[in-house]
Each structure stands twice: as structure tokens, then as C-alpha cells.
C-alpha atoms as a PDB file:
ATOM      1  CA  UNK A   1      -1.652 -56.871  49.175  1.00  0.00           C
ATOM      2  CA  UNK A   2      -2.599 -60.493  48.518  1.00  0.00           C
ATOM      3  CA  UNK A   3      -6.171 -58.917  49.607  1.00  0.00           C
ATOM      4  CA  UNK A   4      -6.052 -56.177  46.994  1.00  0.00           C
ATOM      5  CA  UNK A   5      -5.116 -57.774  44.498  1.00  0.00           C
ATOM      6  CA  UNK A   6      -7.693 -60.803  44.652  1.00  0.00           C
ATOM      7  CA  UNK A   7     -10.517 -57.916  45.118  1.00  0.00           C
ATOM      8  CA  UNK A   8      -9.659 -56.207  42.164  1.00  0.00           C
ATOM      9  CA  UNK A   9      -9.581 -59.421  39.752  1.00  0.00           C
ATOM     10  CA  UNK A  10     -13.588 -60.349  41.381  1.00  0.00           C
ATOM     11  CA  UNK A  11     -14.169 -56.486  40.546  1.00  0.00           C
ATOM     12  CA  UNK A  12     -13.239 -57.532  36.826  1.00  0.00           C
ATOM     13  CA  UNK A  13     -15.152 -60.139  36.557  1.00  0.00           C
ATOM     14  CA  UNK A  14     -13.155 -62.433  34.591  1.00  0.00           C
ATOM     15  CA  UNK A  15     -13.512 -66.427  35.033  1.00  0.00           C
ATOM     16  CA  UNK A  16     -10.012 -67.263  33.321  1.00  0.00           C
ATOM     17  CA  UNK A  17      -7.333 -64.952  31.941  1.00  0.00           C
ATOM     18  CA  UNK A  18      -4.476 -65.907  29.741  1.00  0.00           C
ATOM     19  CA  UNK A  19      -0.888 -66.396  31.759  1.00  0.00           C
ATOM     20  CA  UNK A  20       0.466 -62.667  31.452  1.00  0.00           C
ATOM     21  CA  UNK A  21       2.449 -62.432  28.239  1.00  0.00           C
ATOM     22  CA  UNK A  22       1.414 -65.674  26.347  1.00  0.00           C
ATOM     23  CA  UNK A  23       0.211 -65.495  22.937  1.00  0.00           C
ATOM     24  CA  UNK A  24      -2.774 -65.537  23.974  1.00  0.00           C
ATOM     25  CA  UNK A  25      -2.288 -62.802  26.241  1.00  0.00           C
ATOM     26  CA  UNK A  26      -0.865 -60.732  23.480  1.00  0.00           C
ATOM     27  CA  UNK A  27      -3.964 -61.108  21.242  1.00  0.00           C
ATOM     28  CA  UNK A  28      -6.394 -59.334  23.934  1.00  0.00           C
ATOM     29  CA  UNK A  29      -7.068 -55.753  23.583  1.00  0.00           C
ATOM     30  CA  UNK A  30      -6.092 -52.853  26.009  1.00  0.00           C
ATOM     31  CA  UNK A  31      -9.511 -52.525  27.341  1.00  0.00           C
ATOM     32  CA  UNK A  32     -10.180 -56.545  27.246  1.00  0.00           C
ATOM     33  CA  UNK A  33     -10.964 -56.857  31.501  1.00  0.00           C
ATOM     34  CA  UNK A  34      -8.710 -60.448  31.098  1.00  0.00           C
ATOM     35  CA  UNK A  35      -5.982 -58.276  30.373  1.00  0.00           C
ATOM     36  CA  UNK A  36      -5.938 -56.396  33.414  1.00  0.00           C
ATOM     37  CA  UNK A  37      -7.082 -59.619  35.671  1.00  0.00           C
ATOM     38  CA  UNK A  38      -3.270 -61.583  34.023  1.00  0.00           C
ATOM     39  CA  UNK A  39      -1.280 -58.449  34.668  1.00  0.00           C
ATOM     40  CA  UNK A  40      -2.565 -58.262  38.481  1.00  0.00           C
ATOM     41  CA  UNK A  41      -2.453 -61.818  38.412  1.00  0.00           C
ATOM     42  CA  UNK A  42       1.024 -62.094  36.999  1.00  0.00           C
ATOM     43  CA  UNK A  43       1.886 -59.208  39.735  1.00  0.00           C
ATOM     44  CA  UNK A  44       0.851 -60.592  42.726  1.00  0.00           C
ATOM     45  CA  UNK A  45       2.989 -63.958  41.379  1.00  0.00           C
ATOM     46  CA  UNK A  46       6.348 -62.013  41.661  1.00  0.00           C
ATOM     47  CA  UNK A  47       5.099 -59.936  44.598  1.00  0.00           C
ATOM     48  CA  UNK A  48       4.905 -63.695  46.391  1.00  0.00           C
ATOM     49  CA  UNK A  49       8.373 -64.930  44.686  1.00  0.00           C
ATOM     50  CA  UNK A  50      10.298 -61.642  45.796  1.00  0.00           C
ATOM     51  CA  UNK A  51       9.175 -61.661  49.158  1.00  0.00           C
ATOM     52  CA  UNK A  52       9.724 -65.312  49.768  1.00  0.00           C
ATOM     53  CA  UNK A  53      13.316 -64.955  47.945  1.00  0.00           C
ATOM     54  CA  UNK A  54      13.495 -62.184  50.666  1.00  0.00           C
ATOM     55  CA  UNK A  55      12.706 -64.067  53.895  1.00  0.00           C
ATOM     56  CA  UNK A  56      14.966 -66.943  52.427  1.00  0.00           C
ATOM     57  CA  UNK A  57      18.357 -64.129  52.275  1.00  0.00           C
ATOM     58  CA  UNK A  58      17.127 -62.935  55.631  1.00  0.00           C
ATOM     59  CA  UNK A  59      16.574 -66.823  57.479  1.00  0.00           C
ATOM     60  CA  UNK A  60      19.973 -68.166  55.095  1.00  0.00           C
ATOM     61  CA  UNK A  61      22.224 -64.590  57.396  1.00  0.00           C
ATOM     62  CA  UNK A  62      20.129 -65.642  61.070  1.00  0.00           C
ATOM     63  CA  UNK A  63      20.062 -69.225  60.866  1.00  0.00           C
ATOM     64  CA  UNK A  64      22.096 -71.499  58.666  1.00  0.00           C
ATOM     65  CA  UNK A  65      20.993 -74.590  59.845  1.00  0.00           C
ATOM     66  CA  UNK A  66      17.222 -73.653  59.869  1.00  0.00           C
ATOM     67  CA  UNK A  67      17.511 -72.502  56.384  1.00  0.00           C
ATOM     68  CA  UNK A  68      19.476 -75.598  54.841  1.00  0.00           C
ATOM     69  CA  UNK A  69      16.516 -77.861  56.488  1.00  0.00           C
ATOM     70  CA  UNK A  70      13.820 -75.848  54.844  1.00  0.00           C
ATOM     71  CA  UNK A  71      15.867 -75.698  51.623  1.00  0.00           C
ATOM     72  CA  UNK A  72      15.932 -79.693  51.585  1.00  0.00           C
ATOM     73  CA  UNK A  73      13.083 -80.574  53.066  1.00  0.00           C
ATOM     74  CA  UNK A  74      11.796 -81.676  49.538  1.00  0.00           C
ATOM     75  CA  UNK A  75      14.882 -83.833  48.676  1.00  0.00           C
ATOM     76  CA  UNK A  76      14.693 -85.528  52.638  1.00  0.00           C
ATOM     77  CA  UNK A  77      11.155 -86.457  51.780  1.00  0.00           C
ATOM     78  CA  UNK A  78      12.160 -87.464  48.644  1.00  0.00           C
ATOM     79  CA  UNK A  79      14.760 -89.670  49.880  1.00  0.00           C
ATOM     80  CA  UNK A  80      12.901 -91.068  52.572  1.00  0.00           C
ATOM     81  CA  UNK A  81      10.635 -92.293  50.027  1.00  0.00           C
ATOM     82  CA  UNK A  82      12.847 -94.310  47.968  1.00  0.00           C
ATOM     83  CA  UNK A  83      15.375 -95.864  50.668  1.00  0.00           C
ATOM     84  CA  UNK A  84      13.466 -98.910  51.288  1.00  0.00           C
ATOM     85  CA  UNK A  85      13.756 -99.473  47.596  1.00  0.00           C
ATOM     86  CA  UNK A  86      17.370 -98.995  46.933  1.00  0.00           C
ATOM     87  CA  UNK A  87      18.414-100.700  50.227  1.00  0.00           C
ATOM     88  CA  UNK A  88      17.189-103.903  48.251  1.00  0.00           C
ATOM     89  CA  UNK A  89      19.111-103.040  45.044  1.00  0.00           C
ATOM     90  CA  UNK A  90      22.991-105.017  45.502  1.00  0.00           C
ATOM     91  CA  UNK A  91      26.100-102.546  45.910  1.00  0.00           C
ATOM     92  CA  UNK A  92      28.811-102.013  43.876  1.00  0.00           C
ATOM     93  CA  UNK A  93      30.300-104.713  45.470  1.00  0.00           C
ATOM     94  CA  UNK A  94      28.129-107.008  45.368  1.00  0.00           C
ATOM     95  CA  UNK A  95      27.523-106.780  41.476  1.00  0.00           C
ATOM     96  CA  UNK A  96      31.106-106.850  41.104  1.00  0.00           C
ATOM     97  CA  UNK A  97      31.463-110.262  42.810  1.00  0.00           C
ATOM     98  CA  UNK A  98      28.386-111.535  40.895  1.00  0.00           C
ATOM     99  CA  UNK A  99      30.001-110.007  37.811  1.00  0.00           C
ATOM    100  CA  UNK A 100      33.401-112.285  38.801  1.00  0.00           C
ATOM    101  CA  UNK A 101      31.789-115.523  39.339  1.00  0.00           C
ATOM    102  CA  UNK A 102      29.754-115.183  35.552  1.00  0.00           C
ATOM    103  CA  UNK A 103      33.299-114.264  34.106  1.00  0.00           C
ATOM    104  CA  UNK A 104      35.207-117.631  35.039  1.00  0.00           C
ATOM    105  CA  UNK A 105      36.343-118.812  31.222  1.00  0.00           C
ATOM    106  CA  UNK A 106      35.201-122.489  30.474  1.00  0.00           C
ATOM    107  CA  UNK A 107      37.792-124.024  28.213  1.00  0.00           C
ATOM    108  CA  UNK A 108      35.984-124.258  24.646  1.00  0.00           C
ATOM    109  CA  UNK A 109      35.621-128.169  23.917  1.00  0.00           C
ATOM    110  CA  UNK A 110      34.387-129.852  20.571  1.00  0.00           C
ATOM    111  CA  UNK A 111      31.705-132.357  21.074  1.00  0.00           C
ATOM    112  CA  UNK A 112      30.751-135.644  19.194  1.00  0.00           C
ATOM    113  CA  UNK A 113      27.548-134.618  16.329  1.00  0.00           C
ATOM    114  CA  UNK A 114      28.564-131.077  16.821  1.00  0.00           C
ATOM    115  CA  UNK A 115      30.050-128.833  14.770  1.00  0.00           C
ATOM    116  CA  UNK A 116      33.607-127.348  15.434  1.00  0.00           C
ATOM    117  CA  UNK A 117      33.607-124.412  17.493  1.00  0.00           C
ATOM    118  CA  UNK A 118      35.438-121.057  17.188  1.00  0.00           C
ATOM    119  CA  UNK A 119      38.271-120.403  20.007  1.00  0.00           C
ATOM    120  CA  UNK A 120      38.169-117.123  21.532  1.00  0.00           C
ATOM    121  CA  UNK A 121      41.042-114.878  21.261  1.00  0.00           C
ATOM    122  CA  UNK A 122      42.604-116.948  18.420  1.00  0.00           C
ATOM    123  CA  UNK A 123      40.357-115.674  14.974  1.00  0.00           C
ATOM    124  CA  UNK A 124      40.057-117.980  12.389  1.00  0.00           C
ATOM    125  CA  UNK A 125      40.688-120.922  14.474  1.00  0.00           C
ATOM    126  CA  UNK A 126      38.208-123.853  15.513  1.00  0.00           C
ATOM    127  CA  UNK A 127      38.175-126.314  17.324  1.00  0.00           C
ATOM    128  CA  UNK A 128      37.606-129.997  16.100  1.00  0.00           C
ATOM    129  CA  UNK A 129      36.721-133.584  17.908  1.00  0.00           C
ATOM    130  CA  UNK A 130      39.815-135.803  16.707  1.00  0.00           C
ATOM    131  CA  UNK A 131      39.254-139.197  15.896  1.00  0.00           C
ATOM    132  CA  UNK A 132      39.713-140.511  19.322  1.00  0.00           C
ATOM    133  CA  UNK A 133      38.169-137.709  20.643  1.00  0.00           C
ATOM    134  CA  UNK A 134      40.680-135.334  21.301  1.00  0.00           C
ATOM    135  CA  UNK A 135      40.463-131.630  20.626  1.00  0.00           C
ATOM    136  CA  UNK A 136      42.133-130.334  17.336  1.00  0.00           C
ATOM    137  CA  UNK A 137      42.540-127.188  16.847  1.00  0.00           C
ATOM    138  CA  UNK A 138      42.520-126.233  12.925  1.00  0.00           C
ATOM    139  CA  UNK A 139      42.339-122.730  10.562  1.00  0.00           C
ATOM    140  CA  UNK A 140      38.906-124.271   9.283  1.00  0.00           C
ATOM    141  CA  UNK A 141      35.361-124.694  10.206  1.00  0.00           C
ATOM    142  CA  UNK A 142      34.840-128.011   7.993  1.00  0.00           C
ATOM    143  CA  UNK A 143      34.349-130.963   9.406  1.00  0.00           C
ATOM    144  CA  UNK A 144      34.855-133.210   6.409  1.00  0.00           C
ATOM    145  CA  UNK A 145      38.420-131.886   5.779  1.00  0.00           C
ATOM    146  CA  UNK A 146      39.221-133.522   9.696  1.00  0.00           C
ATOM    147  CA  UNK A 147      37.999-136.890   8.257  1.00  0.00           C
ATOM    148  CA  UNK A 148      40.578-136.463   5.140  1.00  0.00           C
ATOM    149  CA  UNK A 149      42.773-135.166   7.396  1.00  0.00           C
ATOM    150  CA  UNK A 150      42.572-137.963   8.971  1.00  0.00           C
ATOM    151  CA  UNK A 151      43.116-141.074   6.599  1.00  0.00           C
ATOM    152  CA  UNK A 152      46.346-139.033   5.468  1.00  0.00           C
ATOM    153  CA  UNK A 153      47.748-138.825   8.390  1.00  0.00           C
ATOM    154  CA  UNK A 154      47.653-142.859   8.358  1.00  0.00           C
ATOM    155  CA  UNK A 155      51.243-144.787   7.920  1.00  0.00           C
ATOM    156  CA  UNK A 156      51.103-145.192   4.292  1.00  0.00           C
ATOM    157  CA  UNK A 157      52.462-149.320   4.158  1.00  0.00           C
ATOM    158  CA  UNK A 158      49.376-150.765   6.388  1.00  0.00           C
ATOM    159  CA  UNK A 159      47.577-153.658   4.534  1.00  0.00           C
ATOM    160  CA  UNK A 160      44.094-154.070   5.023  1.00  0.00           C
ATOM    161  CA  UNK A 161      43.484-157.097   6.365  1.00  0.00           C
ATOM    162  CA  UNK A 162      41.574-159.456   3.827  1.00  0.00           C
END
């Protein structure tokens, strides 16, 4: 059958026929030899496809292990190709362990010469550096207010030494 189809297309002397059913094929005149060549080529491709499907169905019935090996051969070849790259990637457990190490929280600390730091988990609160270097949590981020407040916190009755 394949030889007959090949002989027919050769006899039509067609260099390149459009794909059967394509817009280019539909635009051809019915007497154009490219139209017949496309029909014969499509019919031969369908015959080969149907023959292969019938063979696979028969193989599945007769020898399921061989059928499975045949239909998964491409996937197995691709798996062998990518296996080395996959082996170098970290596992889920390794990634989880890395995240646990990175996820350990540090205490928020204000530093001399730096602006106040927002306190995670307490919206609107900021950690300032107090006058003696102690952390001070206040509901604003204005460093000058910390200094004014420190002056107000001093005892009122102290006289300045002259």
C-alpha cells in the first residue's frame, strides 16, 4: 500500500503539496495534481496511524509488559536524561531545614545613630534607644520626642549645679 501511494505521488510529479484540509489545499482547483497528492499522502498517513494503533491494541492484549515498555520508552529515556540534574537539586526535607534556619527571628534592636525600628507584630509601635542605651517601645517613630520625654521624666526639684 505504501509503495502504491508513493508511486501515485511520484506520477503526479508534485514538488510540495499543501496539507490535506488546510486553507491552501481548499483553495486549489479540483484538477490541480497537488490536491490529489495531498489526499493520497493524508490517506497513507492515516493508514499507518491506524495500523500502529491496531498493533498496540494487539500487543496490549497479548503481552502487556512489552506494551508498557514500548509506550513508556520515550518517558524513560527523558527521565534518564534529566536524572543527573534532579539528583543535584535539594530534596523537600533539605529545603524545609534550610528555611527553618533562616526563619529564626532576631530580636529587634535600636542602635545609636540610627532611626527607630518598627516592631514586628505590633503595628504602630517603634523601638527607640533610650537615654541609657536601653530599648524603649513607643507609639511613634520620632527620635526627637524620645529626647523631650526623657527631659520630662527627670525629677522636677533638682537644681542645676552652678
